[in-house]
PDB file of N, CA and C in Angstrom:
ATOM      1  N   MET A   1       0.845  -1.175   0.000  1.00  0.00           N
ATOM      2  CA  MET A   1       0.000   0.000   0.000  1.00  0.00           C
ATOM      3  C   MET A   1       0.887   1.233   0.000  1.00  0.00           C
ATOM      4  N   LYS A   2       0.483   2.234  -0.756  1.00  0.00           N
ATOM      5  CA  LYS A   2       1.233   3.487  -0.807  1.00  0.00           C
ATOM      6  C   LYS A   2       0.779   4.375   0.353  1.00  0.00           C
ATOM      7  N   VAL A   3       1.719   4.717   1.214  1.00  0.00           N
ATOM      8  CA  VAL A   3       1.428   5.544   2.378  1.00  0.00           C
ATOM      9  C   VAL A   3       2.195   6.851   2.258  1.00  0.00           C
ATOM     10  N   THR A   4       1.467   7.958   2.296  1.00  0.00           N
ATOM     11  CA  THR A   4       2.071   9.282   2.259  1.00  0.00           C
ATOM     12  C   THR A   4       2.025   9.850   3.669  1.00  0.00           C
ATOM     13  N   THR A   5       3.187  10.227   4.197  1.00  0.00           N
ATOM     14  CA  THR A   5       3.261  10.732   5.566  1.00  0.00           C
ATOM     15  C   THR A   5       3.705  12.189   5.557  1.00  0.00           C
ATOM     16  N   GLN A   6       2.976  13.016   6.281  1.00  0.00           N
ATOM     17  CA  GLN A   6       3.347  14.426   6.442  1.00  0.00           C
ATOM     18  C   GLN A   6       3.467  14.726   7.927  1.00  0.00           C
ATOM     19  N   SER A   7       4.559  15.380   8.301  1.00  0.00           N
ATOM     20  CA  SER A   7       4.747  15.753   9.703  1.00  0.00           C
ATOM     21  C   SER A   7       4.699  17.279   9.806  1.00  0.00           C
ATOM     22  N   VAL A   8       3.915  17.763  10.762  1.00  0.00           N
ATOM     23  CA  VAL A   8       3.715  19.185  10.950  1.00  0.00           C
ATOM     24  C   VAL A   8       4.465  19.632  12.199  1.00  0.00           C
ATOM     25  N   ASN A   9       5.239  20.665  12.108  1.00  0.00           N
ATOM     26  CA  ASN A   9       5.998  21.277  13.212  1.00  0.00           C
ATOM     27  C   ASN A   9       7.177  20.436  13.694  1.00  0.00           C
ATOM     28  N   PHE A  10       7.585  19.408  12.956  1.00  0.00           N
ATOM     29  CA  PHE A  10       8.759  18.617  13.322  1.00  0.00           C
ATOM     30  C   PHE A  10       9.169  17.766  12.124  1.00  0.00           C
ATOM     31  N   ASN A  11      10.358  17.181  12.205  1.00  0.00           N
ATOM     32  CA  ASN A  11      10.836  16.268  11.167  1.00  0.00           C
ATOM     33  C   ASN A  11      10.760  14.844  11.704  1.00  0.00           C
ATOM     34  N   ALA A  12      10.047  13.990  10.988  1.00  0.00           N
ATOM     35  CA  ALA A  12       9.878  12.604  11.422  1.00  0.00           C
ATOM     36  C   ALA A  12      11.132  11.798  11.116  1.00  0.00           C
ATOM     37  N   GLU A  13      11.532  10.945  12.052  1.00  0.00           N
ATOM     38  CA  GLU A  13      12.696  10.087  11.859  1.00  0.00           C
ATOM     39  C   GLU A  13      12.331   8.898  10.985  1.00  0.00           C
ATOM     40  N   SER A  14      13.325   8.288  10.396  1.00  0.00           N
ATOM     41  CA  SER A  14      13.076   7.154   9.496  1.00  0.00           C
ATOM     42  C   SER A  14      12.496   5.949  10.246  1.00  0.00           C
ATOM     43  N   THR A  15      12.854   5.783  11.520  1.00  0.00           N
ATOM     44  CA  THR A  15      12.304   4.659  12.283  1.00  0.00           C
ATOM     45  C   THR A  15      10.794   4.825  12.472  1.00  0.00           C
ATOM     46  N   LEU A  16      10.337   6.064  12.690  1.00  0.00           N
ATOM     47  CA  LEU A  16       8.909   6.333  12.828  1.00  0.00           C
ATOM     48  C   LEU A  16       8.200   6.096  11.502  1.00  0.00           C
ATOM     49  N   LEU A  17       8.799   6.533  10.416  1.00  0.00           N
ATOM     50  CA  LEU A  17       8.198   6.339   9.088  1.00  0.00           C
ATOM     51  C   LEU A  17       8.112   4.854   8.740  1.00  0.00           C
ATOM     52  N   ASP A  18       9.140   4.083   9.095  1.00  0.00           N
ATOM     53  CA  ASP A  18       9.116   2.637   8.856  1.00  0.00           C
ATOM     54  C   ASP A  18       8.022   1.962   9.686  1.00  0.00           C
ATOM     55  N   PHE A  19       7.885   2.394  10.942  1.00  0.00           N
ATOM     56  CA  PHE A  19       6.843   1.851  11.805  1.00  0.00           C
ATOM     57  C   PHE A  19       5.462   2.098  11.208  1.00  0.00           C
ATOM     58  N   ILE A  20       5.236   3.322  10.731  1.00  0.00           N
ATOM     59  CA  ILE A  20       3.942   3.674  10.143  1.00  0.00           C
ATOM     60  C   ILE A  20       3.675   2.831   8.904  1.00  0.00           C
ATOM     61  N   GLN A  21       4.674   2.689   8.039  1.00  0.00           N
ATOM     62  CA  GLN A  21       4.497   1.902   6.810  1.00  0.00           C
ATOM     63  C   GLN A  21       4.166   0.446   7.144  1.00  0.00           C
ATOM     64  N   ASN A  22       4.894  -0.140   8.076  1.00  0.00           N
ATOM     65  CA  ASN A  22       4.649  -1.534   8.458  1.00  0.00           C
ATOM     66  C   ASN A  22       3.268  -1.711   9.076  1.00  0.00           C
ATOM     67  N   ARG A  23       2.868  -0.779   9.930  1.00  0.00           N
ATOM     68  CA  ARG A  23       1.557  -0.890  10.593  1.00  0.00           C
ATOM     69  C   ARG A  23       0.422  -0.718   9.586  1.00  0.00           C
ATOM     70  N   MET A  24       0.590   0.173   8.638  1.00  0.00           N
ATOM     71  CA  MET A  24      -0.446   0.390   7.619  1.00  0.00           C
ATOM     72  C   MET A  24      -0.537  -0.802   6.666  1.00  0.00           C
ATOM     73  N   ASN A  25       0.596  -1.449   6.397  1.00  0.00           N
ATOM     74  CA  ASN A  25       0.578  -2.621   5.523  1.00  0.00           C
ATOM     75  C   ASN A  25      -0.236  -3.761   6.131  1.00  0.00           C
ATOM     76  N   LYS A  26      -0.315  -3.823   7.453  1.00  0.00           N
ATOM     77  CA  LYS A  26      -1.086  -4.874   8.118  1.00  0.00           C
ATOM     78  C   LYS A  26      -2.584  -4.713   7.880  1.00  0.00           C
ATOM     79  N   LEU A  27      -3.022  -3.523   7.474  1.00  0.00           N
ATOM     80  CA  LEU A  27      -4.440  -3.313   7.202  1.00  0.00           C
ATOM     81  C   LEU A  27      -4.900  -4.114   5.985  1.00  0.00           C
ATOM     82  N   ASP A  28      -3.962  -4.485   5.106  1.00  0.00           N
ATOM     83  CA  ASP A  28      -4.310  -5.288   3.929  1.00  0.00           C
ATOM     84  C   ASP A  28      -4.834  -6.665   4.331  1.00  0.00           C
ATOM     85  N   LEU A  29      -4.514  -7.131   5.531  1.00  0.00           N
ATOM     86  CA  LEU A  29      -5.022  -8.417   5.998  1.00  0.00           C
ATOM     87  C   LEU A  29      -6.529  -8.368   6.243  1.00  0.00           C
ATOM     88  N   PHE A  30      -7.043  -7.174   6.554  1.00  0.00           N
ATOM     89  CA  PHE A  30      -8.456  -7.027   6.882  1.00  0.00           C
ATOM     90  C   PHE A  30      -9.298  -6.655   5.671  1.00  0.00           C
ATOM     91  N   TYR A  31      -8.699  -5.947   4.709  1.00  0.00           N
ATOM     92  CA  TYR A  31      -9.423  -5.525   3.508  1.00  0.00           C
ATOM     93  C   TYR A  31      -8.388  -5.370   2.408  1.00  0.00           C
ATOM     94  N   ASP A  32      -8.438  -6.252   1.412  1.00  0.00           N
ATOM     95  CA  ASP A  32      -7.363  -6.317   0.427  1.00  0.00           C
ATOM     96  C   ASP A  32      -7.506  -5.327  -0.723  1.00  0.00           C
ATOM     97  N   ARG A  33      -8.542  -4.505  -0.728  1.00  0.00           N
ATOM     98  CA  ARG A  33      -8.745  -3.573  -1.840  1.00  0.00           C
ATOM     99  C   ARG A  33      -8.348  -2.143  -1.487  1.00  0.00           C
ATOM    100  N   THR A  34      -7.497  -1.948  -0.495  1.00  0.00           N
ATOM    101  CA  THR A  34      -7.084  -0.599  -0.124  1.00  0.00           C
ATOM    102  C   THR A  34      -6.262   0.024  -1.242  1.00  0.00           C
ATOM    103  N   ILE A  35      -6.495   1.295  -1.482  1.00  0.00           N
ATOM    104  CA  ILE A  35      -5.792   2.012  -2.548  1.00  0.00           C
ATOM    105  C   ILE A  35      -4.537   2.676  -2.002  1.00  0.00           C
ATOM    106  N   GLY A  36      -4.682   3.401  -0.918  1.00  0.00           N
ATOM    107  CA  GLY A  36      -3.556   4.116  -0.339  1.00  0.00           C
ATOM    108  C   GLY A  36      -3.973   4.792   0.948  1.00  0.00           C
ATOM    109  N   ALA A  37      -3.022   5.468   1.572  1.00  0.00           N
ATOM    110  CA  ALA A  37      -3.306   6.131   2.843  1.00  0.00           C
ATOM    111  C   ALA A  37      -2.490   7.408   2.969  1.00  0.00           C
ATOM    112  N   ASP A  38      -3.078   8.371   3.656  1.00  0.00           N
ATOM    113  CA  ASP A  38      -2.384   9.611   4.008  1.00  0.00           C
ATOM    114  C   ASP A  38      -2.308   9.666   5.527  1.00  0.00           C
ATOM    115  N   VAL A  39      -1.112   9.939   6.043  1.00  0.00           N
ATOM    116  CA  VAL A  39      -0.908  10.026   7.487  1.00  0.00           C
ATOM    117  C   VAL A  39      -0.388  11.423   7.800  1.00  0.00           C
ATOM    118  N   PHE A  40      -1.066  12.101   8.715  1.00  0.00           N
ATOM    119  CA  PHE A  40      -0.648  13.433   9.144  1.00  0.00           C
ATOM    120  C   PHE A  40      -0.264  13.361  10.612  1.00  0.00           C
ATOM    121  N   LEU A  41       0.962  13.755  10.917  1.00  0.00           N
ATOM    122  CA  LEU A  41       1.463  13.747  12.286  1.00  0.00           C
ATOM    123  C   LEU A  41       1.635  15.186  12.748  1.00  0.00           C
ATOM    124  N   LYS A  42       1.077  15.512  13.920  1.00  0.00           N
ATOM    125  CA  LYS A  42       1.126  16.880  14.420  1.00  0.00           C
ATOM    126  C   LYS A  42       1.537  16.883  15.883  1.00  0.00           C
ATOM    127  N   VAL A  43       2.314  17.897  16.251  1.00  0.00           N
ATOM    128  CA  VAL A  43       2.671  18.108  17.654  1.00  0.00           C
ATOM    129  C   VAL A  43       1.993  19.394  18.096  1.00  0.00           C
ATOM    130  N   ILE A  44       1.257  19.312  19.194  1.00  0.00           N
ATOM    131  CA  ILE A  44       0.590  20.497  19.730  1.00  0.00           C
ATOM    132  C   ILE A  44       1.432  21.031  20.878  1.00  0.00           C
ATOM    133  N   ASN A  45       1.694  22.319  20.853  1.00  0.00           N
ATOM    134  CA  ASN A  45       2.521  22.936  21.888  1.00  0.00           C
ATOM    135  C   ASN A  45       1.666  23.274  23.107  1.00  0.00           C
ATOM    136  N   THR A  46       1.482  22.272  23.965  1.00  0.00           N
ATOM    137  CA  THR A  46       0.750  22.475  25.213  1.00  0.00           C
ATOM    138  C   THR A  46       1.542  21.818  26.337  1.00  0.00           C
ATOM    139  N   SER A  47       1.084  22.016  27.544  1.00  0.00           N
ATOM    140  CA  SER A  47       1.756  21.409  28.691  1.00  0.00           C
ATOM    141  C   SER A  47       1.261  19.983  28.942  1.00  0.00           C
ATOM    142  N   GLU A  48       0.259  19.528  28.177  1.00  0.00           N
ATOM    143  CA  GLU A  48      -0.250  18.176  28.349  1.00  0.00           C
ATOM    144  C   GLU A  48       0.767  17.143  27.886  1.00  0.00           C
ATOM    145  N   LYS A  49       0.702  15.955  28.493  1.00  0.00           N
ATOM    146  CA  LYS A  49       1.590  14.877  28.057  1.00  0.00           C
ATOM    147  C   LYS A  49       1.118  14.299  26.729  1.00  0.00           C
ATOM    148  N   GLU A  50      -0.194  14.238  26.540  1.00  0.00           N
ATOM    149  CA  GLU A  50      -0.739  13.731  25.287  1.00  0.00           C
ATOM    150  C   GLU A  50      -0.843  14.885  24.288  1.00  0.00           C
ATOM    151  N   ASN A  51       0.272  15.168  23.611  1.00  0.00           N
ATOM    152  CA  ASN A  51       0.293  16.297  22.692  1.00  0.00           C
ATOM    153  C   ASN A  51       0.632  15.887  21.260  1.00  0.00           C
ATOM    154  N   LYS A  52       0.552  14.602  20.960  1.00  0.00           N
ATOM    155  CA  LYS A  52       0.887  14.123  19.622  1.00  0.00           C
ATOM    156  C   LYS A  52      -0.367  13.566  18.959  1.00  0.00           C
ATOM    157  N   ILE A  53      -0.651  14.049  17.759  1.00  0.00           N
ATOM    158  CA  ILE A  53      -1.865  13.666  17.038  1.00  0.00           C
ATOM    159  C   ILE A  53      -1.487  12.955  15.752  1.00  0.00           C
ATOM    160  N   ALA A  54      -2.142  11.833  15.515  1.00  0.00           N
ATOM    161  CA  ALA A  54      -1.998  11.107  14.253  1.00  0.00           C
ATOM    162  C   ALA A  54      -3.365  11.065  13.590  1.00  0.00           C
ATOM    163  N   GLU A  55      -3.433  11.564  12.363  1.00  0.00           N
ATOM    164  CA  GLU A  55      -4.674  11.533  11.592  1.00  0.00           C
ATOM    165  C   GLU A  55      -4.431  10.665  10.368  1.00  0.00           C
ATOM    166  N   LEU A  56      -5.225   9.610  10.224  1.00  0.00           N
ATOM    167  CA  LEU A  56      -5.067   8.656   9.127  1.00  0.00           C
ATOM    168  C   LEU A  56      -6.259   8.734   8.201  1.00  0.00           C
ATOM    169  N   LYS A  57      -5.988   8.814   6.908  1.00  0.00           N
ATOM    170  CA  LYS A  57      -7.033   8.765   5.880  1.00  0.00           C
ATOM    171  C   LYS A  57      -6.738   7.561   5.004  1.00  0.00           C
ATOM    172  N   LEU A  58      -7.631   6.603   5.030  1.00  0.00           N
ATOM    173  CA  LEU A  58      -7.462   5.377   4.263  1.00  0.00           C
ATOM    174  C   LEU A  58      -8.425   5.403   3.083  1.00  0.00           C
ATOM    175  N   HIS A  59      -7.880   5.244   1.883  1.00  0.00           N
ATOM    176  CA  HIS A  59      -8.669   5.293   0.658  1.00  0.00           C
ATOM    177  C   HIS A  59      -8.978   3.869   0.191  1.00  0.00           C
ATOM    178  N   VAL A  60     -10.252   3.573   0.075  1.00  0.00           N
ATOM    179  CA  VAL A  60     -10.726   2.296  -0.462  1.00  0.00           C
ATOM    180  C   VAL A  60     -11.712   2.635  -1.571  1.00  0.00           C
ATOM    181  N   PRO A  61     -11.967   1.710  -2.486  1.00  0.00           N
ATOM    182  CA  PRO A  61     -12.881   2.020  -3.583  1.00  0.00           C
ATOM    183  C   PRO A  61     -14.259   2.460  -3.072  1.00  0.00           C
ATOM    184  N   GLY A  62     -14.641   3.662  -3.441  1.00  0.00           N
ATOM    185  CA  GLY A  62     -15.947   4.185  -3.076  1.00  0.00           C
ATOM    186  C   GLY A  62     -16.048   4.780  -1.691  1.00  0.00           C
ATOM    187  N   ASP A  63     -14.955   4.872  -0.948  1.00  0.00           N
ATOM    188  CA  ASP A  63     -15.032   5.365   0.423  1.00  0.00           C
ATOM    189  C   ASP A  63     -13.677   5.869   0.901  1.00  0.00           C
ATOM    190  N   VAL A  64     -13.702   6.726   1.904  1.00  0.00           N
ATOM    191  CA  VAL A  64     -12.490   7.194   2.579  1.00  0.00           C
ATOM    192  C   VAL A  64     -12.762   7.137   4.081  1.00  0.00           C
ATOM    193  N   PHE A  65     -11.905   6.440   4.797  1.00  0.00           N
ATOM    194  CA  PHE A  65     -12.028   6.350   6.254  1.00  0.00           C
ATOM    195  C   PHE A  65     -11.033   7.302   6.890  1.00  0.00           C
ATOM    196  N   VAL A  66     -11.501   8.104   7.853  1.00  0.00           N
ATOM    197  CA  VAL A  66     -10.649   9.061   8.540  1.00  0.00           C
ATOM    198  C   VAL A  66     -10.700   8.766  10.033  1.00  0.00           C
ATOM    199  N   VAL A  67      -9.517   8.635  10.635  1.00  0.00           N
ATOM    200  CA  VAL A  67      -9.414   8.388  12.073  1.00  0.00           C
ATOM    201  C   VAL A  67      -8.368   9.335  12.634  1.00  0.00           C
ATOM    202  N   LYS A  68      -8.682   9.938  13.777  1.00  0.00           N
ATOM    203  CA  LYS A  68      -7.765  10.888  14.411  1.00  0.00           C
ATOM    204  C   LYS A  68      -7.595  10.477  15.868  1.00  0.00           C
ATOM    205  N   LYS A  69      -6.336  10.300  16.296  1.00  0.00           N
ATOM    206  CA  LYS A  69      -6.053   9.885  17.676  1.00  0.00           C
ATOM    207  C   LYS A  69      -5.001  10.807  18.288  1.00  0.00           C
ATOM    208  N   LYS A  70      -5.139  11.037  19.594  1.00  0.00           N
ATOM    209  CA  LYS A  70      -4.217  11.895  20.343  1.00  0.00           C
ATOM    210  C   LYS A  70      -3.633  11.075  21.484  1.00  0.00           C
ATOM    211  N   CYS A  71      -2.299  10.933  21.511  1.00  0.00           N
ATOM    212  CA  CYS A  71      -1.643  10.098  22.526  1.00  0.00           C
ATOM    213  C   CYS A  71      -0.320  10.722  22.962  1.00  0.00           C
ATOM    214  N   LYS A  72       0.403   9.971  23.812  1.00  0.00           N
ATOM    215  CA  LYS A  72       1.700  10.439  24.302  1.00  0.00           C
ATOM    216  C   LYS A  72       2.794  10.297  23.261  1.00  0.00           C
ATOM    217  N   THR A  73       2.722   9.253  22.435  1.00  0.00           N
ATOM    218  CA  THR A  73       3.725   9.039  21.385  1.00  0.00           C
ATOM    219  C   THR A  73       3.029   8.836  20.052  1.00  0.00           C
ATOM    220  N   PHE A  74       3.759   9.075  18.973  1.00  0.00           N
ATOM    221  CA  PHE A  74       3.195   8.878  17.647  1.00  0.00           C
ATOM    222  C   PHE A  74       2.935   7.402  17.375  1.00  0.00           C
ATOM    223  N   GLU A  75       3.818   6.543  17.877  1.00  0.00           N
ATOM    224  CA  GLU A  75       3.621   5.113  17.677  1.00  0.00           C
ATOM    225  C   GLU A  75       2.308   4.652  18.308  1.00  0.00           C
ATOM    226  N   GLU A  76       2.055   5.116  19.511  1.00  0.00           N
ATOM    227  CA  GLU A  76       0.827   4.751  20.212  1.00  0.00           C
ATOM    228  C   GLU A  76      -0.396   5.296  19.473  1.00  0.00           C
ATOM    229  N   ALA A  77      -0.299   6.521  18.971  1.00  0.00           N
ATOM    230  CA  ALA A  77      -1.421   7.135  18.251  1.00  0.00           C
ATOM    231  C   ALA A  77      -1.700   6.407  16.943  1.00  0.00           C
ATOM    232  N   VAL A  78      -0.650   6.068  16.202  1.00  0.00           N
ATOM    233  CA  VAL A  78      -0.822   5.359  14.930  1.00  0.00           C
ATOM    234  C   VAL A  78      -1.381   3.963  15.179  1.00  0.00           C
ATOM    235  N   ASP A  79      -0.877   3.286  16.200  1.00  0.00           N
ATOM    236  CA  ASP A  79      -1.351   1.939  16.523  1.00  0.00           C
ATOM    237  C   ASP A  79      -2.832   1.965  16.903  1.00  0.00           C
ATOM    238  N   SER A  80      -3.218   2.930  17.703  1.00  0.00           N
ATOM    239  CA  SER A  80      -4.613   3.063  18.123  1.00  0.00           C
ATOM    240  C   SER A  80      -5.507   3.391  16.926  1.00  0.00           C
ATOM    241  N   ALA A  81      -5.056   4.287  16.062  1.00  0.00           N
ATOM    242  CA  ALA A  81      -5.830   4.660  14.877  1.00  0.00           C
ATOM    243  C   ALA A  81      -5.969   3.470  13.925  1.00  0.00           C
ATOM    244  N   CYS A  82      -4.923   2.686  13.772  1.00  0.00           N
ATOM    245  CA  CYS A  82      -4.989   1.506  12.905  1.00  0.00           C
ATOM    246  C   CYS A  82      -5.961   0.472  13.472  1.00  0.00           C
ATOM    247  N   GLY A  83      -6.008   0.362  14.785  1.00  0.00           N
ATOM    248  CA  GLY A  83      -6.975  -0.539  15.410  1.00  0.00           C
ATOM    249  C   GLY A  83      -8.405  -0.126  15.074  1.00  0.00           C
ATOM    250  N   SER A  84      -8.670   1.167  15.085  1.00  0.00           N
ATOM    251  CA  SER A  84      -9.994   1.662  14.718  1.00  0.00           C
ATOM    252  C   SER A  84     -10.280   1.408  13.242  1.00  0.00           C
ATOM    253  N   LEU A  85      -9.269   1.596  12.406  1.00  0.00           N
ATOM    254  CA  LEU A  85      -9.446   1.338  10.978  1.00  0.00           C
ATOM    255  C   LEU A  85      -9.708  -0.141  10.708  1.00  0.00           C
ATOM    256  N   GLU A  86      -9.044  -1.008  11.472  1.00  0.00           N
ATOM    257  CA  GLU A  86      -9.268  -2.449  11.299  1.00  0.00           C
ATOM    258  C   GLU A  86     -10.727  -2.795  11.544  1.00  0.00           C
ATOM    259  N   ARG A  87     -11.307  -2.238  12.600  1.00  0.00           N
ATOM    260  CA  ARG A  87     -12.718  -2.502  12.897  1.00  0.00           C
ATOM    261  C   ARG A  87     -13.620  -1.974  11.782  1.00  0.00           C
ATOM    262  N   LYS A  88     -13.303  -0.793  11.257  1.00  0.00           N
ATOM    263  CA  LYS A  88     -14.109  -0.228  10.175  1.00  0.00           C
ATOM    264  C   LYS A  88     -14.003  -1.071   8.905  1.00  0.00           C
ATOM    265  N   LEU A  89     -12.803  -1.569   8.615  1.00  0.00           N
ATOM    266  CA  LEU A  89     -12.613  -2.375   7.412  1.00  0.00           C
ATOM    267  C   LEU A  89     -13.339  -3.710   7.508  1.00  0.00           C
ATOM    268  N   VAL A  90     -13.299  -4.330   8.683  1.00  0.00           N
ATOM    269  CA  VAL A  90     -14.007  -5.599   8.874  1.00  0.00           C
ATOM    270  C   VAL A  90     -15.504  -5.367   8.698  1.00  0.00           C
ATOM    271  N   LYS A  91     -15.995  -4.261   9.226  1.00  0.00           N
ATOM    272  CA  LYS A  91     -17.412  -3.937   9.102  1.00  0.00           C
ATOM    273  C   LYS A  91     -17.792  -3.719   7.635  1.00  0.00           C
ATOM    274  N   LYS A  92     -16.924  -3.017   6.893  1.00  0.00           N
ATOM    275  CA  LYS A  92     -17.190  -2.772   5.468  1.00  0.00           C
ATOM    276  C   LYS A  92     -17.146  -4.073   4.677  1.00  0.00           C
ATOM    277  N   LYS A  93     -16.215  -4.944   5.015  1.00  0.00           N
ATOM    278  CA  LYS A  93     -16.053  -6.189   4.272  1.00  0.00           C
ATOM    279  C   LYS A  93     -17.239  -7.129   4.493  1.00  0.00           C
ATOM    280  N   THR A  94     -17.769  -7.170   5.700  1.00  0.00           N
ATOM    281  CA  THR A  94     -18.860  -8.082   6.001  1.00  0.00           C
ATOM    282  C   THR A  94     -20.223  -7.499   5.637  1.00  0.00           C
ATOM    283  N   LYS A  95     -20.304  -6.191   5.458  1.00  0.00           N
ATOM    284  CA  LYS A  95     -21.561  -5.548   5.130  1.00  0.00           C
ATOM    285  C   LYS A  95     -21.880  -5.783   3.650  1.00  0.00           C
ATOM    286  N   PRO A  96     -23.059  -6.303   3.342  1.00  0.00           N
ATOM    287  CA  PRO A  96     -23.394  -6.530   1.938  1.00  0.00           C
ATOM    288  C   PRO A  96     -23.596  -5.207   1.209  1.00  0.00           C
ATOM    289  N   THR A  97     -23.255  -5.195  -0.064  1.00  0.00           N
ATOM    290  CA  THR A  97     -23.463  -3.979  -0.847  1.00  0.00           C
ATOM    291  C   THR A  97     -24.953  -3.807  -1.105  1.00  0.00           C
ATOM    292  N   VAL A  98     -25.428  -2.615  -0.925  1.00  0.00           N
ATOM    293  CA  VAL A  98     -26.842  -2.324  -1.068  1.00  0.00           C
ATOM    294  C   VAL A  98     -27.086  -1.786  -2.461  1.00  0.00           C
ATOM    295  N   LEU A  99     -27.934  -2.471  -3.184  1.00  0.00           N
ATOM    296  CA  LEU A  99     -28.341  -2.000  -4.493  1.00  0.00           C
ATOM    297  C   LEU A  99     -29.690  -1.311  -4.341  1.00  0.00           C
ATOM    298  N   HIS A 100     -29.800  -0.165  -4.947  1.00  0.00           N
ATOM    299  CA  HIS A 100     -31.055   0.567  -4.843  1.00  0.00           C
ATOM    300  C   HIS A 100     -32.138  -0.124  -5.665  1.00  0.00           C
ATOM    301  N   PRO A 101     -33.267  -0.390  -5.064  1.00  0.00           N
ATOM    302  CA  PRO A 101     -34.338  -1.066  -5.809  1.00  0.00           C
ATOM    303  C   PRO A 101     -34.919  -0.111  -6.865  1.00  0.00           C
ATOM    304  N   PRO A 102     -35.437  -0.661  -7.926  1.00  0.00           N
ATOM    305  CA  PRO A 102     -36.021   0.198  -8.974  1.00  0.00           C
ATOM    306  C   PRO A 102     -37.262   0.896  -8.439  1.00  0.00           C
ATOM    307  N   LYS A 103     -37.478   2.103  -8.929  1.00  0.00           N
ATOM    308  CA  LYS A 103     -38.654   2.867  -8.509  1.00  0.00           C
ATOM    309  C   LYS A 103     -39.886   2.332  -9.230  1.00  0.00           C
ATOM    310  N   ILE A 104     -40.918   2.151  -8.456  1.00  0.00           N
ATOM    311  CA  ILE A 104     -42.171   1.663  -9.014  1.00  0.00           C
ATOM    312  C   ILE A 104     -43.139   2.840  -9.086  1.00  0.00           C
ATOM    313  N   SER A 105     -43.668   3.085 -10.261  1.00  0.00           N
ATOM    314  CA  SER A 105     -44.579   4.221 -10.455  1.00  0.00           C
ATOM    315  C   SER A 105     -46.012   3.832 -10.266  1.00  0.00           C
TER     316      SER A 105
END
């Protein structure tokens, strides 16, 4: 899967980028028709310990899933967001496609 990562207000290290790529690749196990993903990493300048935000946009045919998580580390935020995406993908995969019935006049 093609994953585009953007970091806001900091430069992401290669180990973090590798972690994100590997974690996003695991989503293919739940739904094999994924097109790509955009990952936005942000640091908020506050006194809180949970000041790191990961926003994931997963592109699948006919839909885009967006998940945003705020945690102490980017790894934790990405892992938590991927867990939410896994549940959404399983739900999409098991949900039958709805065809609109013809209109009766």
